N, C-alpha and C. Protein backbone atom coordinates (compact mmCIF):
# COMPACT_ATOMS: atom_id res chain seq x y z
N UNK A 1 12.16 16.48 0.16
CA UNK A 1 11.35 16.46 -1.09
C UNK A 1 11.95 15.28 -1.98
N UNK A 2 11.57 14.42 -2.78
CA UNK A 2 12.10 13.31 -3.61
C UNK A 2 12.35 14.11 -4.93
N UNK A 3 13.26 13.32 -5.35
CA UNK A 3 13.63 13.79 -7.12
C UNK A 3 12.30 13.61 -7.95
N UNK A 4 12.23 14.35 -8.94
CA UNK A 4 10.81 14.37 -9.76
C UNK A 4 11.65 14.00 -11.25
N UNK A 5 10.97 13.13 -11.50
CA UNK A 5 11.15 12.76 -13.22
C UNK A 5 10.51 13.80 -14.31
N UNK A 6 11.24 14.48 -15.26
CA UNK A 6 10.46 14.82 -16.40
C UNK A 6 10.20 13.98 -17.54
N UNK A 7 9.44 13.42 -17.39
CA UNK A 7 9.04 11.81 -18.63
C UNK A 7 9.30 12.60 -19.99
N UNK A 8 8.95 13.70 -20.06
CA UNK A 8 9.29 13.94 -21.63
C UNK A 8 10.83 14.27 -21.75
N UNK A 9 11.64 14.53 -20.95
CA UNK A 9 12.85 14.65 -21.27
C UNK A 9 13.74 13.28 -20.86
N UNK A 10 12.98 12.49 -20.22
CA UNK A 10 13.58 11.02 -19.79
C UNK A 10 13.91 10.23 -21.08
N UNK A 11 15.06 9.74 -21.53
CA UNK A 11 15.45 8.79 -22.60
C UNK A 11 15.12 7.10 -22.17
N UNK A 12 15.14 6.94 -20.68
CA UNK A 12 15.33 5.56 -20.30
C UNK A 12 16.38 5.05 -20.17
N UNK A 13 17.37 5.48 -20.40
CA UNK A 13 18.89 5.15 -20.10
C UNK A 13 19.38 4.50 -19.07
N UNK A 14 18.49 4.80 -17.87
CA UNK A 14 18.68 4.07 -16.81
C UNK A 14 20.07 4.51 -15.79
N UNK A 15 20.92 5.47 -16.23
CA UNK A 15 21.89 6.38 -15.32
C UNK A 15 21.67 6.42 -14.31
N UNK A 16 20.44 7.13 -13.97
CA UNK A 16 20.14 7.35 -12.53
C UNK A 16 19.54 6.27 -11.51
N UNK A 17 19.37 5.04 -11.91
CA UNK A 17 19.39 3.92 -11.22
C UNK A 17 20.53 3.50 -11.09
N UNK A 18 21.78 3.23 -11.56
CA UNK A 18 22.85 3.42 -11.24
C UNK A 18 23.48 4.19 -10.28
N UNK A 19 23.03 5.52 -10.12
CA UNK A 19 23.44 6.36 -9.14
C UNK A 19 22.60 6.51 -7.96
N UNK A 20 21.59 6.00 -8.07
CA UNK A 20 20.89 5.74 -6.60
C UNK A 20 21.03 5.39 -5.63
N UNK A 21 21.53 5.74 -4.48
CA UNK A 21 22.04 5.37 -3.51
C UNK A 21 20.77 4.36 -2.28
N UNK A 22 19.77 4.59 -2.72
CA UNK A 22 18.77 4.25 -2.01
C UNK A 22 17.87 3.13 -2.82
N UNK A 23 18.30 2.71 -3.89
CA UNK A 23 17.32 1.87 -4.89
C UNK A 23 15.92 2.49 -5.07
N UNK A 24 15.95 3.73 -5.01
CA UNK A 24 14.63 4.46 -5.09
C UNK A 24 14.21 4.75 -6.22
N UNK A 25 14.82 4.25 -7.26
CA UNK A 25 14.49 4.73 -8.99
C UNK A 25 14.31 3.12 -9.48
N UNK A 26 13.04 2.95 -10.50
CA UNK A 26 13.11 2.11 -11.38
C UNK A 26 12.41 2.41 -12.44
N UNK A 27 12.41 1.56 -13.54
CA UNK A 27 11.79 1.96 -14.60
C UNK A 27 10.30 1.51 -14.69
N UNK A 28 9.48 2.41 -15.32
CA UNK A 28 8.07 2.19 -15.70
C UNK A 28 7.86 2.68 -16.92
N UNK A 29 7.44 1.95 -17.79
CA UNK A 29 6.83 1.97 -19.19
C UNK A 29 8.13 2.83 -19.71
N UNK A 30 9.25 2.35 -19.67
CA UNK A 30 10.54 2.68 -20.13
C UNK A 30 11.07 4.40 -19.84
N UNK A 31 10.48 4.72 -18.46
CA UNK A 31 10.78 6.03 -18.09
C UNK A 31 11.31 5.81 -16.36
N UNK A 32 12.22 6.31 -15.81
CA UNK A 32 12.69 6.46 -14.50
C UNK A 32 11.16 6.87 -13.86
N UNK A 33 11.16 6.46 -12.76
CA UNK A 33 10.19 6.35 -11.71
C UNK A 33 10.92 6.33 -10.19
N UNK A 34 10.54 7.58 -9.33
CA UNK A 34 11.35 7.76 -8.10
C UNK A 34 10.25 7.08 -6.92
N UNK A 35 10.59 6.46 -6.12
CA UNK A 35 9.69 5.85 -4.80
C UNK A 35 10.08 6.90 -3.88
N UNK A 36 8.74 7.90 -3.80
CA UNK A 36 8.96 9.16 -2.89
C UNK A 36 9.28 8.62 -1.45
N UNK A 37 9.04 7.34 -1.13
CA UNK A 37 9.43 7.13 0.19
C UNK A 37 10.79 6.23 0.55
N UNK A 38 11.28 6.20 -0.47
CA UNK A 38 12.44 5.51 -0.20
C UNK A 38 13.91 6.47 -0.61
N UNK A 39 13.02 7.81 -1.41
CA UNK A 39 14.56 8.66 -2.16
C UNK A 39 14.88 9.52 -0.72
N UNK A 40 16.19 9.63 -0.74
CA UNK A 40 16.78 10.29 0.46
C UNK A 40 17.25 11.91 -0.08
N UNK A 41 17.12 12.07 -1.48
CA UNK A 41 17.23 13.49 -1.41
C UNK A 41 18.76 13.95 -1.59
N UNK A 42 19.16 12.81 -1.95
CA UNK A 42 20.90 13.23 -1.97
C UNK A 42 21.34 13.82 -3.38
N UNK A 43 20.61 13.46 -4.37
CA UNK A 43 20.86 14.67 -5.79
C UNK A 43 21.71 13.81 -6.62
N UNK A 44 22.24 12.31 -6.17
CA UNK A 44 23.02 11.73 -7.06
C UNK A 44 22.56 11.56 -8.57
N UNK A 45 21.25 10.99 -8.41
CA UNK A 45 20.31 10.65 -9.64
C UNK A 45 20.60 11.98 -10.57
N UNK A 46 20.46 13.05 -10.12
CA UNK A 46 20.48 14.40 -11.08
C UNK A 46 21.72 14.32 -11.80
N UNK A 47 22.74 14.39 -10.90
CA UNK A 47 24.46 14.54 -11.36
C UNK A 47 24.58 13.54 -12.35
N UNK A 48 23.81 12.48 -12.18
CA UNK A 48 24.29 11.62 -13.09
C UNK A 48 23.02 11.26 -14.52
N UNK A 49 22.10 11.98 -14.55
CA UNK A 49 21.51 12.29 -15.86
C UNK A 49 21.79 13.00 -16.68
N UNK A 50 22.32 12.15 -17.99
CA UNK A 50 22.81 12.89 -19.03
C UNK A 50 21.87 13.80 -19.62
N UNK A 51 20.43 13.76 -19.54
CA UNK A 51 19.45 14.57 -20.45
C UNK A 51 18.87 15.57 -19.25
N UNK A 52 19.48 15.87 -17.98
CA UNK A 52 18.80 16.72 -17.30
C UNK A 52 17.06 16.53 -16.92
N UNK A 53 16.96 14.95 -16.75
CA UNK A 53 15.38 14.67 -16.58
C UNK A 53 14.99 14.90 -15.18
N UNK A 54 16.01 14.82 -14.38
CA UNK A 54 15.54 14.70 -12.81
C UNK A 54 16.01 16.12 -12.13
N UNK A 55 15.25 16.47 -10.91
CA UNK A 55 15.18 17.53 -10.29
C UNK A 55 14.70 17.10 -9.02
N UNK A 56 15.01 18.06 -7.94
CA UNK A 56 14.51 17.96 -6.47
C UNK A 56 13.60 19.37 -6.25
């Protein structure tokens, strides 16, 4: 199951993009968006998110 973004919590800081090992996260309308087919479910983005906007 790929990472899921809580768009209400996401501040658009892009920390998750820096953490993502598979380049599965991009910004869409100022919020993080996860490409499910590219996500490897590693959880690095979750650890890197300062506002806890990502989950698995």
